Amino acid sequence: LRTKHMKALRAVAPSRVDEVGAVIDERLWKLDHI
């Protein structure tokens, strides 16, 4: 799921990968735990 969304993010918002990617990782961490 991370790979799919990060691939799209890198393509459409390359300058925001670190910022938005951190939020994606936080949400996926919560998903993994539940």
All heavy atoms as atom14 arrays in JSON, in Angstrom:
{
  "sequence": "LRTKHMKALRAVAPSRVDEVGAVIDERLWKLDHI",
  "atom14_mask": [
    [1, 1, 1, 1, 1, 1, 1, 1, 0, 0, 0, 0, 0, 0],
    [1, 1, 1, 1, 1, 1, 1, 1, 1, 1, 1, 0, 0, 0],
    [1, 1, 1, 1, 1, 1, 1, 0, 0, 0, 0, 0, 0, 0],
    [1, 1, 1, 1, 1, 1, 1, 1, 1, 0, 0, 0, 0, 0],
    [1, 1, 1, 1, 1, 1, 1, 1, 1, 1, 0, 0, 0, 0],
    [1, 1, 1, 1, 1, 1, 1, 1, 0, 0, 0, 0, 0, 0],
    [1, 1, 1, 1, 1, 1, 1, 1, 1, 0, 0, 0, 0, 0],
    [1, 1, 1, 1, 1, 0, 0, 0, 0, 0, 0, 0, 0, 0],
    [1, 1, 1, 1, 1, 1, 1, 1, 0, 0, 0, 0, 0, 0],
    [1, 1, 1, 1, 1, 1, 1, 1, 1, 1, 1, 0, 0, 0],
    [1, 1, 1, 1, 1, 0, 0, 0, 0, 0, 0, 0, 0, 0],
    [1, 1, 1, 1, 1, 1, 1, 0, 0, 0, 0, 0, 0, 0],
    [1, 1, 1, 1, 1, 0, 0, 0, 0, 0, 0, 0, 0, 0],
    [1, 1, 1, 1, 1, 1, 1, 0, 0, 0, 0, 0, 0, 0],
    [1, 1, 1, 1, 1, 1, 0, 0, 0, 0, 0, 0, 0, 0],
    [1, 1, 1, 1, 1, 1, 1, 1, 1, 1, 1, 0, 0, 0],
    [1, 1, 1, 1, 1, 1, 1, 0, 0, 0, 0, 0, 0, 0],
    [1, 1, 1, 1, 1, 1, 1, 1, 0, 0, 0, 0, 0, 0],
    [1, 1, 1, 1, 1, 1, 1, 1, 1, 0, 0, 0, 0, 0],
    [1, 1, 1, 1, 1, 1, 1, 0, 0, 0, 0, 0, 0, 0],
    [1, 1, 1, 1, 0, 0, 0, 0, 0, 0, 0, 0, 0, 0],
    [1, 1, 1, 1, 1, 0, 0, 0, 0, 0, 0, 0, 0, 0],
    [1, 1, 1, 1, 1, 1, 1, 0, 0, 0, 0, 0, 0, 0],
    [1, 1, 1, 1, 1, 1, 1, 1, 0, 0, 0, 0, 0, 0],
    [1, 1, 1, 1, 1, 1, 1, 1, 0, 0, 0, 0, 0, 0],
    [1, 1, 1, 1, 1, 1, 1, 1, 1, 0, 0, 0, 0, 0],
    [1, 1, 1, 1, 1, 1, 1, 1, 1, 1, 1, 0, 0, 0],
    [1, 1, 1, 1, 1, 1, 1, 1, 0, 0, 0, 0, 0, 0],
    [1, 1, 1, 1, 1, 1, 1, 1, 1, 1, 1, 1, 1, 1],
    [1, 1, 1, 1, 1, 1, 1, 1, 1, 0, 0, 0, 0, 0],
    [1, 1, 1, 1, 1, 1, 1, 1, 0, 0, 0, 0, 0, 0],
    [1, 1, 1, 1, 1, 1, 1, 1, 0, 0, 0, 0, 0, 0],
    [1, 1, 1, 1, 1, 1, 1, 1, 1, 1, 0, 0, 0, 0],
    [1, 1, 1, 1, 1, 1, 1, 1, 0, 0, 0, 0, 0, 0]
  ],
  "atom14_positions": [
    [[0.84, -1.2, 0.0], [0.0, 0.0, 0.0], [0.88, 1.26, 0.0], [0.6, 2.23, -0.72], [-0.9, -0.02, 1.25], [-2.26, 0.68, 1.16], [-3.1, 0.12, 0.03], [-3.0, 0.54, 2.49], [0.0, 0.0, 0.0], [0.0, 0.0, 0.0], [0.0, 0.0, 0.0], [0.0, 0.0, 0.0], [0.0, 0.0, 0.0], [0.0, 0.0, 0.0]],
    [[1.95, 1.2, 0.79], [2.88, 2.33, 0.84], [3.54, 2.55, -0.54], [3.63, 3.68, -1.03], [3.95, 2.1, 1.9], [4.91, 3.28, 2.04], [6.03, 2.99, 3.03], [6.78, 4.21, 3.3], [7.75, 4.69, 2.52], [8.09, 4.04, 1.4], [8.37, 5.82, 2.84], [0.0, 0.0, 0.0], [0.0, 0.0, 0.0], [0.0, 0.0, 0.0]],
    [[3.98, 1.46, -1.15], [4.64, 1.55, -2.45], [3.72, 2.19, -3.49], [4.13, 3.07, -4.27], [5.08, 0.15, -2.92], [6.0, -0.39, -1.97], [5.73, 0.21, -4.29], [0.0, 0.0, 0.0], [0.0, 0.0, 0.0], [0.0, 0.0, 0.0], [0.0, 0.0, 0.0], [0.0, 0.0, 0.0], [0.0, 0.0, 0.0], [0.0, 0.0, 0.0]],
    [[2.46, 1.77, -3.49], [1.49, 2.28, -4.47], [1.29, 3.79, -4.3], [1.33, 4.55, -5.28], [0.14, 1.55, -4.28], [-0.97, 1.99, -5.22], [-2.25, 1.23, -4.92], [-3.37, 1.62, -5.87], [-3.17, 1.09, -7.23], [0.0, 0.0, 0.0], [0.0, 0.0, 0.0], [0.0, 0.0, 0.0], [0.0, 0.0, 0.0], [0.0, 0.0, 0.0]],
    [[1.1, 4.22, -3.06], [0.8, 5.63, -2.83], [2.04, 6.51, -2.94], [1.96, 7.64, -3.43], [0.11, 5.79, -1.47], [-1.3, 5.28, -1.45], [-1.6, 3.95, -1.22], [-2.49, 5.9, -1.68], [-2.92, 3.78, -1.3], [-3.48, 4.95, -1.56], [0.0, 0.0, 0.0], [0.0, 0.0, 0.0], [0.0, 0.0, 0.0], [0.0, 0.0, 0.0]],
    [[3.18, 6.01, -2.49], [4.41, 6.8, -2.61], [4.83, 6.97, -4.07], [5.36, 8.02, -4.46], [5.53, 6.16, -1.79], [5.33, 6.23, -0.28], [5.19, 7.93, 0.35], [6.83, 8.55, 0.0], [0.0, 0.0, 0.0], [0.0, 0.0, 0.0], [0.0, 0.0, 0.0], [0.0, 0.0, 0.0], [0.0, 0.0, 0.0], [0.0, 0.0, 0.0]],
    [[4.58, 5.96, -4.87], [4.89, 6.07, -6.31], [4.08, 7.21, -6.93], [4.6, 8.03, -7.72], [4.58, 4.75, -7.0], [4.83, 4.77, -8.5], [4.48, 3.42, -9.14], [4.68, 3.47, -10.66], [4.3, 2.17, -11.29], [0.0, 0.0, 0.0], [0.0, 0.0, 0.0], [0.0, 0.0, 0.0], [0.0, 0.0, 0.0], [0.0, 0.0, 0.0]],
    [[2.79, 7.26, -6.61], [1.93, 8.33, -7.13], [2.38, 9.69, -6.59], [2.43, 10.68, -7.33], [0.47, 8.06, -6.77], [0.0, 0.0, 0.0], [0.0, 0.0, 0.0], [0.0, 0.0, 0.0], [0.0, 0.0, 0.0], [0.0, 0.0, 0.0], [0.0, 0.0, 0.0], [0.0, 0.0, 0.0], [0.0, 0.0, 0.0], [0.0, 0.0, 0.0]],
    [[2.71, 9.74, -5.29], [3.13, 11.0, -4.68], [4.4, 11.53, -5.34], [4.5, 12.73, -5.63], [3.35, 10.79, -3.18], [3.85, 12.0, -2.39], [2.83, 13.14, -2.44], [4.15, 11.62, -0.94], [0.0, 0.0, 0.0], [0.0, 0.0, 0.0], [0.0, 0.0, 0.0], [0.0, 0.0, 0.0], [0.0, 0.0, 0.0], [0.0, 0.0, 0.0]],
    [[5.38, 10.67, -5.57], [6.63, 11.11, -6.19], [6.39, 11.68, -7.59], [7.06, 12.63, -8.01], [7.61, 9.94, -6.28], [8.18, 9.5, -4.94], [9.3, 8.49, -5.12], [9.68, 7.93, -3.83], [9.22, 6.77, -3.35], [8.38, 6.04, -4.1], [9.62, 6.33, -2.17], [0.0, 0.0, 0.0], [0.0, 0.0, 0.0], [0.0, 0.0, 0.0]],
    [[5.43, 11.11, -8.29], [5.17, 11.56, -9.66], [4.44, 12.9, -9.71], [4.73, 13.73, -10.58], [4.35, 10.5, -10.39], [0.0, 0.0, 0.0], [0.0, 0.0, 0.0], [0.0, 0.0, 0.0], [0.0, 0.0, 0.0], [0.0, 0.0, 0.0], [0.0, 0.0, 0.0], [0.0, 0.0, 0.0], [0.0, 0.0, 0.0], [0.0, 0.0, 0.0]],
    [[3.49, 13.12, -8.78], [2.65, 14.32, -8.88], [3.08, 15.44, -7.96], [2.68, 16.6, -8.16], [1.16, 13.97, -8.61], [0.63, 12.99, -9.64], [0.95, 13.44, -7.19], [0.0, 0.0, 0.0], [0.0, 0.0, 0.0], [0.0, 0.0, 0.0], [0.0, 0.0, 0.0], [0.0, 0.0, 0.0], [0.0, 0.0, 0.0], [0.0, 0.0, 0.0]],
    [[3.88, 15.14, -6.94], [4.31, 16.19, -6.0], [5.73, 15.9, -5.51], [5.95, 15.65, -4.32], [3.34, 16.28, -4.83], [0.0, 0.0, 0.0], [0.0, 0.0, 0.0], [0.0, 0.0, 0.0], [0.0, 0.0, 0.0], [0.0, 0.0, 0.0], [0.0, 0.0, 0.0], [0.0, 0.0, 0.0], [0.0, 0.0, 0.0], [0.0, 0.0, 0.0]],
    [[6.72, 15.91, -6.41], [8.08, 15.5, -6.03], [8.7, 16.34, -4.92], [9.49, 15.84, -4.13], [8.86, 15.62, -7.34], [8.03, 16.49, -8.23], [6.62, 16.24, -7.84], [0.0, 0.0, 0.0], [0.0, 0.0, 0.0], [0.0, 0.0, 0.0], [0.0, 0.0, 0.0], [0.0, 0.0, 0.0], [0.0, 0.0, 0.0], [0.0, 0.0, 0.0]],
    [[8.33, 17.62, -4.83], [8.94, 18.47, -3.81], [8.31, 18.28, -2.43], [8.79, 18.84, -1.45], [8.83, 19.95, -4.21], [7.49, 20.4, -4.12], [0.0, 0.0, 0.0], [0.0, 0.0, 0.0], [0.0, 0.0, 0.0], [0.0, 0.0, 0.0], [0.0, 0.0, 0.0], [0.0, 0.0, 0.0], [0.0, 0.0, 0.0], [0.0, 0.0, 0.0]],
    [[7.25, 17.48, -2.37], [6.53, 17.28, -1.1], [6.59, 15.83, -0.61], [5.82, 15.43, 0.26], [5.08, 17.74, -1.26], [4.97, 19.25, -1.33], [3.62, 19.72, -1.83], [3.49, 21.15, -1.64], [4.06, 22.08, -2.4], [4.81, 21.72, -3.43], [3.91, 23.37, -2.14], [0.0, 0.0, 0.0], [0.0, 0.0, 0.0], [0.0, 0.0, 0.0]],
    [[7.51, 15.06, -1.19], [7.59, 13.64, -0.85], [7.93, 13.45, 0.63], [7.3, 12.64, 1.33], [8.63, 12.93, -1.75], [8.93, 11.53, -1.21], [8.12, 12.84, -3.18], [0.0, 0.0, 0.0], [0.0, 0.0, 0.0], [0.0, 0.0, 0.0], [0.0, 0.0, 0.0], [0.0, 0.0, 0.0], [0.0, 0.0, 0.0], [0.0, 0.0, 0.0]],
    [[8.9, 14.19, 1.13], [9.3, 14.0, 2.53], [8.18, 14.41, 3.49], [7.84, 13.66, 4.42], [10.56, 14.81, 2.84], [11.8, 14.25, 2.13], [11.74, 13.08, 1.7], [12.79, 14.99, 2.01], [0.0, 0.0, 0.0], [0.0, 0.0, 0.0], [0.0, 0.0, 0.0], [0.0, 0.0, 0.0], [0.0, 0.0, 0.0], [0.0, 0.0, 0.0]],
    [[7.6, 15.57, 3.25], [6.57, 16.11, 4.14], [5.32, 15.22, 4.15], [4.85, 14.79, 5.2], [6.21, 17.53, 3.71], [5.05, 18.16, 4.47], [4.54, 19.43, 3.81], [5.17, 19.9, 2.83], [3.52, 19.94, 4.28], [0.0, 0.0, 0.0], [0.0, 0.0, 0.0], [0.0, 0.0, 0.0], [0.0, 0.0, 0.0], [0.0, 0.0, 0.0]],
    [[4.77, 14.96, 2.97], [3.53, 14.19, 2.88], [3.81, 12.71, 3.12], [2.99, 12.0, 3.72], [2.84, 14.42, 1.52], [1.56, 13.6, 1.4], [2.53, 15.91, 1.34], [0.0, 0.0, 0.0], [0.0, 0.0, 0.0], [0.0, 0.0, 0.0], [0.0, 0.0, 0.0], [0.0, 0.0, 0.0], [0.0, 0.0, 0.0], [0.0, 0.0, 0.0]],
    [[4.97, 12.24, 2.67], [5.34, 10.85, 2.91], [5.38, 10.5, 4.37], [5.03, 9.39, 4.79], [0.0, 0.0, 0.0], [0.0, 0.0, 0.0], [0.0, 0.0, 0.0], [0.0, 0.0, 0.0], [0.0, 0.0, 0.0], [0.0, 0.0, 0.0], [0.0, 0.0, 0.0], [0.0, 0.0, 0.0], [0.0, 0.0, 0.0], [0.0, 0.0, 0.0]],
    [[5.81, 11.47, 5.22], [5.84, 11.23, 6.67], [4.43, 11.03, 7.22], [4.21, 10.19, 8.11], [6.52, 12.41, 7.37], [0.0, 0.0, 0.0], [0.0, 0.0, 0.0], [0.0, 0.0, 0.0], [0.0, 0.0, 0.0], [0.0, 0.0, 0.0], [0.0, 0.0, 0.0], [0.0, 0.0, 0.0], [0.0, 0.0, 0.0], [0.0, 0.0, 0.0]],
    [[3.46, 11.78, 6.69], [2.07, 11.62, 7.14], [1.52, 10.28, 6.68], [0.83, 9.58, 7.42], [1.19, 12.78, 6.61], [-0.25, 12.63, 7.11], [1.76, 14.13, 7.03], [0.0, 0.0, 0.0], [0.0, 0.0, 0.0], [0.0, 0.0, 0.0], [0.0, 0.0, 0.0], [0.0, 0.0, 0.0], [0.0, 0.0, 0.0], [0.0, 0.0, 0.0]],
    [[1.84, 9.9, 5.44], [1.42, 8.59, 4.94], [1.99, 7.48, 5.81], [1.28, 6.53, 6.2], [1.85, 8.41, 3.47], [1.02, 9.33, 2.56], [1.72, 6.95, 3.02], [1.45, 9.33, 1.11], [0.0, 0.0, 0.0], [0.0, 0.0, 0.0], [0.0, 0.0, 0.0], [0.0, 0.0, 0.0], [0.0, 0.0, 0.0], [0.0, 0.0, 0.0]],
    [[3.27, 7.58, 6.16], [3.9, 6.55, 7.0], [3.25, 6.47, 8.37], [3.06, 5.37, 8.92], [5.4, 6.84, 7.15], [6.18, 6.45, 5.9], [5.66, 5.63, 5.1], [7.3, 6.96, 5.72], [0.0, 0.0, 0.0], [0.0, 0.0, 0.0], [0.0, 0.0, 0.0], [0.0, 0.0, 0.0], [0.0, 0.0, 0.0], [0.0, 0.0, 0.0]],
    [[2.91, 7.62, 8.94], [2.25, 7.63, 10.25], [0.9, 6.92, 10.17], [0.54, 6.13, 11.05], [2.07, 9.06, 10.73], [1.4, 9.15, 12.1], [1.1, 10.59, 12.51], [1.4, 11.51, 11.72], [0.55, 10.78, 13.61], [0.0, 0.0, 0.0], [0.0, 0.0, 0.0], [0.0, 0.0, 0.0], [0.0, 0.0, 0.0], [0.0, 0.0, 0.0]],
    [[0.14, 7.21, 9.11], [-1.18, 6.59, 8.98], [-1.06, 5.08, 8.73], [-1.85, 4.29, 9.25], [-1.97, 7.28, 7.87], [-2.29, 8.71, 8.23], [-3.25, 9.42, 7.29], [-3.52, 10.75, 7.8], [-4.33, 11.64, 7.23], [-4.96, 11.33, 6.1], [-4.53, 12.83, 7.78], [0.0, 0.0, 0.0], [0.0, 0.0, 0.0], [0.0, 0.0, 0.0]],
    [[-0.08, 4.68, 7.94], [0.1, 3.26, 7.68], [0.58, 2.53, 8.94], [0.25, 1.35, 9.14], [1.09, 3.06, 6.53], [0.55, 3.45, 5.15], [1.66, 3.33, 4.1], [-0.65, 2.61, 4.76], [0.0, 0.0, 0.0], [0.0, 0.0, 0.0], [0.0, 0.0, 0.0], [0.0, 0.0, 0.0], [0.0, 0.0, 0.0], [0.0, 0.0, 0.0]],
    [[1.35, 3.2, 9.77], [1.77, 2.62, 11.05], [0.55, 2.3, 11.91], [0.46, 1.23, 12.52], [2.71, 3.59, 11.76], [3.21, 3.11, 13.1], [4.25, 2.28, 13.35], [2.67, 3.48, 14.38], [4.4, 2.07, 14.71], [3.44, 2.8, 15.36], [1.62, 4.3, 14.79], [3.18, 2.92, 16.73], [1.36, 4.42, 16.15], [2.14, 3.74, 17.11]],
    [[-0.4, 3.24, 11.96], [-1.63, 3.01, 12.72], [-2.45, 1.88, 12.11], [-3.04, 1.06, 12.83], [-2.46, 4.3, 12.77], [-1.82, 5.4, 13.61], [-2.69, 6.65, 13.6], [-2.05, 7.75, 14.45], [-2.86, 9.0, 14.44], [0.0, 0.0, 0.0], [0.0, 0.0, 0.0], [0.0, 0.0, 0.0], [0.0, 0.0, 0.0], [0.0, 0.0, 0.0]],
    [[-2.5, 1.83, 10.77], [-3.23, 0.76, 10.1], [-2.61, -0.6, 10.43], [-3.33, -1.57, 10.72], [-3.22, 0.99, 8.59], [-3.85, -0.11, 7.72], [-5.33, -0.29, 8.06], [-3.67, 0.2, 6.24], [0.0, 0.0, 0.0], [0.0, 0.0, 0.0], [0.0, 0.0, 0.0], [0.0, 0.0, 0.0], [0.0, 0.0, 0.0], [0.0, 0.0, 0.0]],
    [[-1.29, -0.68, 10.39], [-0.59, -1.92, 10.74], [-0.95, -2.37, 12.15], [-1.23, -3.56, 12.39], [0.91, -1.69, 10.62], [1.72, -2.96, 10.8], [1.64, -3.57, 11.89], [2.43, -3.35, 9.86], [0.0, 0.0, 0.0], [0.0, 0.0, 0.0], [0.0, 0.0, 0.0], [0.0, 0.0, 0.0], [0.0, 0.0, 0.0], [0.0, 0.0, 0.0]],
    [[-1.0, -1.43, 13.09], [-1.28, -1.78, 14.48], [-2.71, -2.27, 14.67], [-2.95, -3.23, 15.4], [-1.0, -0.58, 15.39], [0.43, -0.48, 15.79], [1.45, -0.29, 14.88], [1.04, -0.58, 17.01], [2.61, -0.25, 15.52], [2.4, -0.43, 16.81], [0.0, 0.0, 0.0], [0.0, 0.0, 0.0], [0.0, 0.0, 0.0], [0.0, 0.0, 0.0]],
    [[-3.69, -1.64, 14.01], [-5.07, -2.09, 14.2], [-5.27, -3.46, 13.54], [-5.96, -4.33, 14.09], [-6.08, -1.05, 13.66], [-7.52, -1.47, 13.98], [-5.95, -0.83, 12.17], [-7.87, -1.48, 15.42], [0.0, 0.0, 0.0], [0.0, 0.0, 0.0], [0.0, 0.0, 0.0], [0.0, 0.0, 0.0], [0.0, 0.0, 0.0], [0.0, 0.0, 0.0]]
  ]
}
